[in-house]
Amino acid sequence: MIYEVFLSFRGADTRTNFTDHLYDRLKEAGIRVFRDEEELSVGEEIKPQLKEAIKGSKISVAVFSKDYASSRSCLTEVAQMWECRESNGHTIIPIFYDVTPHDVRRQAGDFGRSFDQHVKDGVSADTIKTWKNALRQIGALKGFDRQNINGGLESHLVKRVLRQVWQLLKKNDQDGTDNLVGIDLHVQEVMRKLGVVHSDGQEIQACGKDVRVVGIWGMRGVGKTTLAKVVFNKIHVLFDECSFLADINSRDVVSSQEILIASLQKRMRETKLLR
């Protein structure tokens, strides 16, 4: 089975609370998630299927908790995640659950004490170096710090993570809009007319409270629908509800309205899982 998300976590810390809640919400949203159901014994090596699950997943979610670095299995998973990121751009979402990004990056606090124990237990210097490098790199990635999200409420953290995963997997994207040549200037012009605000190359707001209608005019086959799909894929995440209707000229007004309403109702049912 090909997974979309790999969950890495320390079972003793989060298996029966946060990670379980996140896993359930991801599954409810129709996302294929890998979660290891078995605890490894002390000193046992990570199973080959775990490494393959990471390699085969589109996104890895690392739940860094206080006891995370005490697990050799977790540290090996993190090293594999970073290896995949370096080799093929694998997406990693770090979650800082009752630890700080600094603790993870610098192996301070509980993370530092765990590494001291690994050294005492005879883990090789090369392995320690690999683990620390992975933590340093992943700890610097943009992620979610539980304490900075609505006072640390787990439910809000779960919703935020689920929404980002949903967006990264492009669950609502229109097909056939990748690797297009010569379309960027046209996309930028439509974005300008829609009043889309950008930050760091990402679309963050669309036209405020305004209602805007933009028409794309041209003969058949010049790429009007393709341009509309590209724009839709870039900005649909900015709206609570959205729908893409193609070939509306072939339908009467009532039929188009009915299809639009049905589409939005379906989308509303889906997004209830993301809120």
C-alpha atoms as a PDB file:
ATOM      1  CA  MET A   1       0.000   0.000   0.000  1.00  0.00           C
ATOM      2  CA  ILE A   2       1.268   3.489  -0.877  1.00  0.00           C
ATOM      3  CA  TYR A   3       0.896   5.908   2.025  1.00  0.00           C
ATOM      4  CA  GLU A   4       0.445   9.663   1.830  1.00  0.00           C
ATOM      5  CA  VAL A   5       1.564  10.460   5.387  1.00  0.00           C
ATOM      6  CA  PHE A   6       4.049   8.802   7.733  1.00  0.00           C
ATOM      7  CA  LEU A   7       3.590   9.530  11.441  1.00  0.00           C
ATOM      8  CA  SER A   8       6.725   9.441  13.604  1.00  0.00           C
ATOM      9  CA  PHE A   9       6.154   9.676  17.355  1.00  0.00           C
ATOM     10  CA  ARG A  10       7.200   8.348  20.750  1.00  0.00           C
ATOM     11  CA  GLY A  11       4.442   5.992  21.784  1.00  0.00           C
ATOM     12  CA  ALA A  12       4.923   6.455  25.516  1.00  0.00           C
ATOM     13  CA  ASP A  13       4.346  10.213  25.135  1.00  0.00           C
ATOM     14  CA  THR A  14       1.598  10.668  22.569  1.00  0.00           C
ATOM     15  CA  ARG A  15       0.223   7.343  21.301  1.00  0.00           C
ATOM     16  CA  THR A  16      -2.991   7.488  23.370  1.00  0.00           C
ATOM     17  CA  ASN A  17      -3.626  11.238  23.076  1.00  0.00           C
ATOM     18  CA  PHE A  18      -2.414  13.702  20.444  1.00  0.00           C
ATOM     19  CA  THR A  19      -1.054  11.242  17.874  1.00  0.00           C
ATOM     20  CA  ASP A  20      -4.139   9.051  18.153  1.00  0.00           C
ATOM     21  CA  HIS A  21      -6.431  12.059  17.620  1.00  0.00           C
ATOM     22  CA  LEU A  22      -4.384  13.278  14.647  1.00  0.00           C
ATOM     23  CA  TYR A  23      -4.293   9.802  13.102  1.00  0.00           C
ATOM     24  CA  ASP A  24      -8.075   9.441  13.381  1.00  0.00           C
ATOM     25  CA  ARG A  25      -8.748  12.848  11.821  1.00  0.00           C
ATOM     26  CA  LEU A  26      -6.386  12.193   8.932  1.00  0.00           C
ATOM     27  CA  LYS A  27      -8.062   8.839   8.267  1.00  0.00           C
ATOM     28  CA  GLU A  28     -11.533  10.415   8.453  1.00  0.00           C
ATOM     29  CA  ALA A  29     -10.440  12.921   5.820  1.00  0.00           C
ATOM     30  CA  GLY A  30      -9.558  10.064   3.467  1.00  0.00           C
ATOM     31  CA  ILE A  31      -5.784  10.418   3.838  1.00  0.00           C
ATOM     32  CA  ARG A  32      -3.716   7.226   3.816  1.00  0.00           C
ATOM     33  CA  VAL A  33      -1.578   7.267   6.973  1.00  0.00           C
ATOM     34  CA  PHE A  34       1.149   4.934   8.208  1.00  0.00           C
ATOM     35  CA  ARG A  35       1.382   4.561  11.975  1.00  0.00           C
ATOM     36  CA  ASP A  36       3.551   1.877  13.529  1.00  0.00           C
ATOM     37  CA  GLU A  37       1.368  -0.076  15.954  1.00  0.00           C
ATOM     38  CA  GLU A  38       4.196  -1.857  17.712  1.00  0.00           C
ATOM     39  CA  GLU A  39       6.665  -0.625  20.331  1.00  0.00           C
ATOM     40  CA  LEU A  40      10.261  -1.652  19.707  1.00  0.00           C
ATOM     41  CA  SER A  41      12.267  -3.162  22.521  1.00  0.00           C
ATOM     42  CA  VAL A  42      15.339  -1.317  23.768  1.00  0.00           C
ATOM     43  CA  GLY A  43      18.193  -1.780  21.317  1.00  0.00           C
ATOM     44  CA  GLU A  44      16.009  -3.254  18.577  1.00  0.00           C
ATOM     45  CA  GLU A  45      16.703  -1.847  15.130  1.00  0.00           C
ATOM     46  CA  ILE A  46      14.057  -0.077  13.074  1.00  0.00           C
ATOM     47  CA  LYS A  47      12.163  -2.492  10.853  1.00  0.00           C
ATOM     48  CA  PRO A  48      12.889  -2.276   7.085  1.00  0.00           C
ATOM     49  CA  GLN A  49       9.199  -1.696   6.355  1.00  0.00           C
ATOM     50  CA  LEU A  50       9.298   1.509   8.386  1.00  0.00           C
ATOM     51  CA  LYS A  51      12.063   2.909   6.209  1.00  0.00           C
ATOM     52  CA  GLU A  52      10.149   1.874   3.101  1.00  0.00           C
ATOM     53  CA  ALA A  53       6.991   3.508   4.440  1.00  0.00           C
ATOM     54  CA  ILE A  54       8.880   6.787   4.868  1.00  0.00           C
ATOM     55  CA  LYS A  55      10.372   6.561   1.387  1.00  0.00           C
ATOM     56  CA  GLY A  56       6.965   5.812  -0.108  1.00  0.00           C
ATOM     57  CA  SER A  57       5.073   8.566   1.700  1.00  0.00           C
ATOM     58  CA  LYS A  58       4.567  12.069   0.351  1.00  0.00           C
ATOM     59  CA  ILE A  59       4.728  13.709   3.789  1.00  0.00           C
ATOM     60  CA  SER A  60       6.320  12.793   7.108  1.00  0.00           C
ATOM     61  CA  VAL A  61       4.928  14.259  10.323  1.00  0.00           C
ATOM     62  CA  ALA A  62       7.397  14.132  13.214  1.00  0.00           C
ATOM     63  CA  VAL A  63       5.793  14.616  16.642  1.00  0.00           C
ATOM     64  CA  PHE A  64       8.694  15.753  18.818  1.00  0.00           C
ATOM     65  CA  SER A  65       7.848  15.119  22.475  1.00  0.00           C
ATOM     66  CA  LYS A  66       9.952  15.058  25.652  1.00  0.00           C
ATOM     67  CA  ASP A  67      10.916  11.393  25.392  1.00  0.00           C
ATOM     68  CA  TYR A  68      11.195  11.281  21.586  1.00  0.00           C
ATOM     69  CA  ALA A  69      15.004  11.322  21.453  1.00  0.00           C
ATOM     70  CA  SER A  70      15.262   8.425  23.927  1.00  0.00           C
ATOM     71  CA  SER A  71      13.998   6.109  21.189  1.00  0.00           C
ATOM     72  CA  ARG A  72      16.582   4.814  18.737  1.00  0.00           C
ATOM     73  CA  SER A  73      13.746   3.878  16.417  1.00  0.00           C
ATOM     74  CA  CYS A  74      12.408   7.456  16.367  1.00  0.00           C
ATOM     75  CA  LEU A  75      15.870   8.887  15.741  1.00  0.00           C
ATOM     76  CA  THR A  76      16.452   6.447  12.899  1.00  0.00           C
ATOM     77  CA  GLU A  77      13.116   7.467  11.392  1.00  0.00           C
ATOM     78  CA  VAL A  78      14.132  11.121  11.590  1.00  0.00           C
ATOM     79  CA  ALA A  79      17.442  10.361   9.888  1.00  0.00           C
ATOM     80  CA  GLN A  80      15.577   8.532   7.114  1.00  0.00           C
ATOM     81  CA  MET A  81      13.179  11.472   6.694  1.00  0.00           C
ATOM     82  CA  TRP A  82      16.049  13.898   6.263  1.00  0.00           C
ATOM     83  CA  GLU A  83      17.798  11.576   3.833  1.00  0.00           C
ATOM     84  CA  CYS A  84      14.621  11.493   1.736  1.00  0.00           C
ATOM     85  CA  ARG A  85      14.303  15.269   1.878  1.00  0.00           C
ATOM     86  CA  GLU A  86      17.844  15.720   0.634  1.00  0.00           C
ATOM     87  CA  SER A  87      17.484  13.143  -2.134  1.00  0.00           C
ATOM     88  CA  ASN A  88      14.001  13.925  -3.478  1.00  0.00           C
ATOM     89  CA  GLY A  89      12.537  16.908  -1.613  1.00  0.00           C
ATOM     90  CA  HIS A  90      10.417  14.828   0.775  1.00  0.00           C
ATOM     91  CA  THR A  91       8.072  17.065   2.804  1.00  0.00           C
ATOM     92  CA  ILE A  92       8.533  17.040   6.587  1.00  0.00           C
ATOM     93  CA  ILE A  93       6.201  18.713   9.088  1.00  0.00           C
ATOM     94  CA  PRO A  94       7.702  19.007  12.587  1.00  0.00           C
ATOM     95  CA  ILE A  95       5.349  19.280  15.572  1.00  0.00           C
ATOM     96  CA  PHE A  96       6.861  20.505  18.834  1.00  0.00           C
ATOM     97  CA  TYR A  97       4.760  18.870  21.530  1.00  0.00           C
ATOM     98  CA  ASP A  98       5.810  20.152  24.969  1.00  0.00           C
ATOM     99  CA  VAL A  99       9.356  20.736  23.702  1.00  0.00           C
ATOM    100  CA  THR A 100      10.786  23.797  21.980  1.00  0.00           C
ATOM    101  CA  PRO A 101      12.297  24.013  18.499  1.00  0.00           C
ATOM    102  CA  HIS A 102      15.545  24.980  20.246  1.00  0.00           C
ATOM    103  CA  ASP A 103      15.514  21.718  22.239  1.00  0.00           C
ATOM    104  CA  VAL A 104      15.228  19.772  18.993  1.00  0.00           C
ATOM    105  CA  ARG A 105      17.760  21.773  16.984  1.00  0.00           C
ATOM    106  CA  ARG A 106      20.379  21.929  19.723  1.00  0.00           C
ATOM    107  CA  GLN A 107      19.535  18.713  21.562  1.00  0.00           C
ATOM    108  CA  ALA A 108      18.916  20.633  24.775  1.00  0.00           C
ATOM    109  CA  GLY A 109      16.745  19.746  27.777  1.00  0.00           C
ATOM    110  CA  ASP A 110      15.229  16.277  27.586  1.00  0.00           C
ATOM    111  CA  PHE A 111      16.765  15.767  24.149  1.00  0.00           C
ATOM    112  CA  GLY A 112      20.241  16.449  25.508  1.00  0.00           C
ATOM    113  CA  ARG A 113      19.762  14.007  28.390  1.00  0.00           C
ATOM    114  CA  SER A 114      18.578  11.333  25.959  1.00  0.00           C
ATOM    115  CA  PHE A 115      21.687  11.730  23.842  1.00  0.00           C
ATOM    116  CA  ASP A 116      23.898  11.526  26.915  1.00  0.00           C
ATOM    117  CA  GLN A 117      22.278   8.166  27.643  1.00  0.00           C
ATOM    118  CA  HIS A 118      22.813   6.956  24.079  1.00  0.00           C
ATOM    119  CA  VAL A 119      26.518   7.735  24.423  1.00  0.00           C
ATOM    120  CA  LYS A 120      26.654   5.812  27.709  1.00  0.00           C
ATOM    121  CA  ASP A 121      24.880   2.895  26.023  1.00  0.00           C
ATOM    122  CA  GLY A 122      27.618   2.708  23.416  1.00  0.00           C
ATOM    123  CA  VAL A 123      25.899   4.080  20.327  1.00  0.00           C
ATOM    124  CA  SER A 124      28.587   4.848  17.739  1.00  0.00           C
ATOM    125  CA  ALA A 125      29.817   8.396  17.209  1.00  0.00           C
ATOM    126  CA  ASP A 126      28.834   8.280  13.519  1.00  0.00           C
ATOM    127  CA  THR A 127      25.264   7.282  14.356  1.00  0.00           C
ATOM    128  CA  ILE A 128      25.009  10.011  16.990  1.00  0.00           C
ATOM    129  CA  LYS A 129      26.288  12.533  14.453  1.00  0.00           C
ATOM    130  CA  THR A 130      23.705  11.426  11.865  1.00  0.00           C
ATOM    131  CA  TRP A 131      20.849  11.684  14.371  1.00  0.00           C
ATOM    132  CA  LYS A 132      21.933  15.115  15.592  1.00  0.00           C
ATOM    133  CA  ASN A 133      22.285  16.463  12.072  1.00  0.00           C
ATOM    134  CA  ALA A 134      18.774  15.285  11.166  1.00  0.00           C
ATOM    135  CA  LEU A 135      17.311  16.885  14.297  1.00  0.00           C
ATOM    136  CA  ARG A 136      19.202  20.117  13.687  1.00  0.00           C
ATOM    137  CA  GLN A 137      17.898  20.371  10.123  1.00  0.00           C
ATOM    138  CA  ILE A 138      14.317  19.268  10.760  1.00  0.00           C
ATOM    139  CA  GLY A 139      14.068  21.337  13.949  1.00  0.00           C
ATOM    140  CA  ALA A 140      14.738  24.428  11.836  1.00  0.00           C
ATOM    141  CA  LEU A 141      11.868  23.726   9.438  1.00  0.00           C
ATOM    142  CA  LYS A 142       8.588  25.576   9.689  1.00  0.00           C
ATOM    143  CA  GLY A 143       6.230  23.522  11.816  1.00  0.00           C
ATOM    144  CA  PHE A 144       3.783  23.730  14.697  1.00  0.00           C
ATOM    145  CA  ASP A 145       4.644  24.603  18.288  1.00  0.00           C
ATOM    146  CA  ARG A 146       1.813  23.411  20.523  1.00  0.00           C
ATOM    147  CA  GLN A 147       2.313  26.177  23.073  1.00  0.00           C
ATOM    148  CA  ASN A 148       1.837  28.876  20.425  1.00  0.00           C
ATOM    149  CA  ILE A 149      -1.503  27.572  19.146  1.00  0.00           C
ATOM    150  CA  ASN A 150      -4.568  28.661  21.096  1.00  0.00           C
ATOM    151  CA  GLY A 151      -2.960  28.189  24.481  1.00  0.00           C
ATOM    152  CA  GLY A 152      -1.787  24.671  23.731  1.00  0.00           C
ATOM    153  CA  LEU A 153      -5.211  23.147  22.993  1.00  0.00           C
ATOM    154  CA  GLU A 154      -4.680  19.819  21.231  1.00  0.00           C
ATOM    155  CA  SER A 155      -7.878  20.071  19.208  1.00  0.00           C
ATOM    156  CA  HIS A 156      -6.702  23.292  17.553  1.00  0.00           C
ATOM    157  CA  LEU A 157      -3.282  21.798  16.866  1.00  0.00           C
ATOM    158  CA  VAL A 158      -4.843  18.745  15.228  1.00  0.00           C
ATOM    159  CA  LYS A 159      -6.993  20.961  12.990  1.00  0.00           C
ATOM    160  CA  ARG A 160      -4.040  23.101  11.941  1.00  0.00           C
ATOM    161  CA  VAL A 161      -1.902  20.093  11.052  1.00  0.00           C
ATOM    162  CA  LEU A 162      -4.755  18.393   9.201  1.00  0.00           C
ATOM    163  CA  ARG A 163      -5.447  21.512   7.143  1.00  0.00           C
ATOM    164  CA  GLN A 164      -1.801  21.855   6.120  1.00  0.00           C
ATOM    165  CA  VAL A 165      -1.533  18.186   5.157  1.00  0.00           C
ATOM    166  CA  TRP A 166      -4.735  18.488   3.128  1.00  0.00           C
ATOM    167  CA  GLN A 167      -3.359  21.503   1.284  1.00  0.00           C
ATOM    168  CA  LEU A 168       0.061  19.979   0.669  1.00  0.00           C
ATOM    169  CA  LEU A 169      -1.548  16.865  -0.802  1.00  0.00           C
ATOM    170  CA  LYS A 170      -3.521  19.152  -3.139  1.00  0.00           C
ATOM    171  CA  LYS A 171      -6.748  17.304  -2.416  1.00  0.00           C
ATOM    172  CA  ASN A 172      -8.887  19.939  -4.148  1.00  0.00           C
ATOM    173  CA  ASP A 173      -6.589  20.712  -7.078  1.00  0.00           C
ATOM    174  CA  GLN A 174      -7.698  20.472 -10.682  1.00  0.00           C
ATOM    175  CA  ASP A 175      -5.778  17.938 -12.772  1.00  0.00           C
ATOM    176  CA  GLY A 176      -3.416  18.644 -15.621  1.00  0.00           C
ATOM    177  CA  THR A 177      -1.843  21.941 -14.508  1.00  0.00           C
ATOM    178  CA  ASP A 178       1.757  20.895 -13.811  1.00  0.00           C
ATOM    179  CA  ASN A 179       4.875  21.687 -15.877  1.00  0.00           C
ATOM    180  CA  LEU A 180       3.161  24.283 -18.069  1.00  0.00           C
ATOM    181  CA  VAL A 181       5.334  26.584 -20.191  1.00  0.00           C
ATOM    182  CA  GLY A 182       4.693  30.300 -20.731  1.00  0.00           C
ATOM    183  CA  ILE A 183       1.705  30.622 -18.427  1.00  0.00           C
ATOM    184  CA  ASP A 184       3.245  32.452 -15.456  1.00  0.00           C
ATOM    185  CA  LEU A 185       2.686  36.008 -16.749  1.00  0.00           C
ATOM    186  CA  HIS A 186      -0.969  35.262 -17.479  1.00  0.00           C
ATOM    187  CA  VAL A 187      -1.414  33.762 -14.009  1.00  0.00           C
ATOM    188  CA  GLN A 188       0.162  36.825 -12.404  1.00  0.00           C
ATOM    189  CA  GLU A 189      -2.173  39.134 -14.354  1.00  0.00           C
ATOM    190  CA  VAL A 190      -5.285  37.205 -13.263  1.00  0.00           C
ATOM    191  CA  MET A 191      -4.007  37.215  -9.673  1.00  0.00           C
ATOM    192  CA  ARG A 192      -3.586  40.994  -9.863  1.00  0.00           C
ATOM    193  CA  LYS A 193      -7.125  41.442 -11.122  1.00  0.00           C
ATOM    194  CA  LEU A 194      -8.392  39.197  -8.308  1.00  0.00           C
ATOM    195  CA  GLY A 195      -6.518  41.276  -5.731  1.00  0.00           C
ATOM    196  CA  VAL A 196      -4.508  38.332  -4.414  1.00  0.00           C
ATOM    197  CA  VAL A 197      -1.954  39.305  -1.771  1.00  0.00           C
ATOM    198  CA  HIS A 198       1.390  37.459  -1.719  1.00  0.00           C
ATOM    199  CA  SER A 199       3.980  36.876   0.993  1.00  0.00           C
ATOM    200  CA  ASP A 200       7.234  34.942   0.459  1.00  0.00           C
ATOM    201  CA  GLY A 201       5.906  33.720  -2.869  1.00  0.00           C
ATOM    202  CA  GLN A 202       2.724  32.263  -1.344  1.00  0.00           C
ATOM    203  CA  GLU A 203      -0.853  33.438  -1.834  1.00  0.00           C
ATOM    204  CA  ILE A 204      -2.130  34.594   1.567  1.00  0.00           C
ATOM    205  CA  GLN A 205      -5.274  36.636   0.858  1.00  0.00           C
ATOM    206  CA  ALA A 206      -7.717  37.078  -1.999  1.00  0.00           C
ATOM    207  CA  CYS A 207      -9.567  40.399  -2.572  1.00  0.00           C
ATOM    208  CA  GLY A 208     -10.550  40.951   1.069  1.00  0.00           C
ATOM    209  CA  LYS A 209     -14.322  41.463   1.346  1.00  0.00           C
ATOM    210  CA  ASP A 210     -14.739  42.386  -2.327  1.00  0.00           C
ATOM    211  CA  VAL A 211     -16.658  40.321  -4.862  1.00  0.00           C
ATOM    212  CA  ARG A 212     -14.783  40.151  -8.154  1.00  0.00           C
ATOM    213  CA  VAL A 213     -15.583  38.648 -11.530  1.00  0.00           C
ATOM    214  CA  VAL A 214     -12.763  38.152 -14.031  1.00  0.00           C
ATOM    215  CA  GLY A 215     -13.444  37.077 -17.601  1.00  0.00           C
ATOM    216  CA  ILE A 216     -10.838  35.258 -19.707  1.00  0.00           C
ATOM    217  CA  TRP A 217     -11.512  35.887 -23.386  1.00  0.00           C
ATOM    218  CA  GLY A 218     -10.045  34.068 -26.379  1.00  0.00           C
ATOM    219  CA  MET A 219     -10.637  31.592 -29.155  1.00  0.00           C
ATOM    220  CA  ARG A 220     -11.061  27.881 -28.535  1.00  0.00           C
ATOM    221  CA  GLY A 221      -7.890  25.972 -27.607  1.00  0.00           C
ATOM    222  CA  VAL A 222      -5.691  28.873 -26.457  1.00  0.00           C
ATOM    223  CA  GLY A 223      -5.664  27.719 -22.829  1.00  0.00           C
ATOM    224  CA  LYS A 224      -8.467  29.643 -21.101  1.00  0.00           C
ATOM    225  CA  THR A 225      -9.621  26.670 -19.030  1.00  0.00           C
ATOM    226  CA  THR A 226      -6.037  25.661 -18.240  1.00  0.00           C
ATOM    227  CA  LEU A 227      -5.294  29.174 -16.980  1.00  0.00           C
ATOM    228  CA  ALA A 228      -8.437  29.108 -14.833  1.00  0.00           C
ATOM    229  CA  LYS A 229      -7.398  25.749 -13.333  1.00  0.00           C
ATOM    230  CA  VAL A 230      -3.921  27.021 -12.445  1.00  0.00           C
ATOM    231  CA  VAL A 231      -5.375  30.075 -10.719  1.00  0.00           C
ATOM    232  CA  PHE A 232      -7.944  27.936  -8.910  1.00  0.00           C
ATOM    233  CA  ASN A 233      -5.245  25.574  -7.620  1.00  0.00           C
ATOM    234  CA  LYS A 234      -3.226  28.480  -6.255  1.00  0.00           C
ATOM    235  CA  ILE A 235      -6.012  30.254  -4.372  1.00  0.00           C
ATOM    236  CA  HIS A 236      -8.693  27.730  -3.387  1.00  0.00           C
ATOM    237  CA  VAL A 237      -6.967  27.160  -0.041  1.00  0.00           C
ATOM    238  CA  LEU A 238      -7.758  30.793   0.846  1.00  0.00           C
ATOM    239  CA  PHE A 239     -11.505  30.151   0.884  1.00  0.00           C
ATOM    240  CA  ASP A 240     -13.713  28.172   3.231  1.00  0.00           C
ATOM    241  CA  GLU A 241     -15.748  26.819   0.323  1.00  0.00           C
ATOM    242  CA  CYS A 242     -14.944  26.674  -3.375  1.00  0.00           C
ATOM    243  CA  SER A 243     -15.931  24.904  -6.572  1.00  0.00           C
ATOM    244  CA  PHE A 244     -14.645  24.604 -10.134  1.00  0.00           C
ATOM    245  CA  LEU A 245     -17.320  24.207 -12.797  1.00  0.00           C
ATOM    246  CA  ALA A 246     -16.196  23.485 -16.358  1.00  0.00           C
ATOM    247  CA  ASP A 247     -18.207  23.861 -19.591  1.00  0.00           C
ATOM    248  CA  ILE A 248     -20.992  25.912 -18.035  1.00  0.00           C
ATOM    249  CA  ASN A 249     -21.920  27.245 -21.490  1.00  0.00           C
ATOM    250  CA  SER A 250     -23.269  23.810 -22.330  1.00  0.00           C
ATOM    251  CA  ARG A 251     -25.802  23.964 -19.494  1.00  0.00           C
ATOM    252  CA  ASP A 252     -28.720  26.211 -18.700  1.00  0.00           C
ATOM    253  CA  VAL A 253     -28.553  28.578 -15.726  1.00  0.00           C
ATOM    254  CA  VAL A 254     -30.676  26.415 -13.427  1.00  0.00           C
ATOM    255  CA  SER A 255     -28.623  23.309 -14.160  1.00  0.00           C
ATOM    256  CA  SER A 256     -25.390  25.183 -13.463  1.00  0.00           C
ATOM    257  CA  GLN A 257     -26.791  26.524 -10.197  1.00  0.00           C
ATOM    258  CA  GLU A 258     -27.829  23.051  -9.071  1.00  0.00           C
ATOM    259  CA  ILE A 259     -24.383  21.630  -9.867  1.00  0.00           C
ATOM    260  CA  LEU A 260     -22.697  24.512  -8.032  1.00  0.00           C
ATOM    261  CA  ILE A 261     -24.859  24.050  -4.928  1.00  0.00           C
ATOM    262  CA  ALA A 262     -24.302  20.279  -4.895  1.00  0.00           C
ATOM    263  CA  SER A 263     -20.557  20.795  -5.308  1.00  0.00           C
ATOM    264  CA  LEU A 264     -20.379  23.304  -2.457  1.00  0.00           C
ATOM    265  CA  GLN A 265     -22.453  21.073  -0.174  1.00  0.00           C
ATOM    266  CA  LYS A 266     -20.060  18.194  -0.818  1.00  0.00           C
ATOM    267  CA  ARG A 267     -17.105  20.479  -0.125  1.00  0.00           C
ATOM    268  CA  MET A 268     -18.728  21.701   3.112  1.00  0.00           C
ATOM    269  CA  ARG A 269     -19.057  18.125   4.347  1.00  0.00           C
ATOM    270  CA  GLU A 270     -15.368  17.546   3.620  1.00  0.00           C
ATOM    271  CA  THR A 271     -14.143  20.746   5.246  1.00  0.00           C
ATOM    272  CA  LYS A 272     -16.017  20.014   8.472  1.00  0.00           C
ATOM    273  CA  LEU A 273     -13.255  17.487   9.085  1.00  0.00           C
ATOM    274  CA  LEU A 274     -10.614  20.201   8.645  1.00  0.00           C
ATOM    275  CA  ARG A 275     -12.052  22.675  11.173  1.00  0.00           C
END
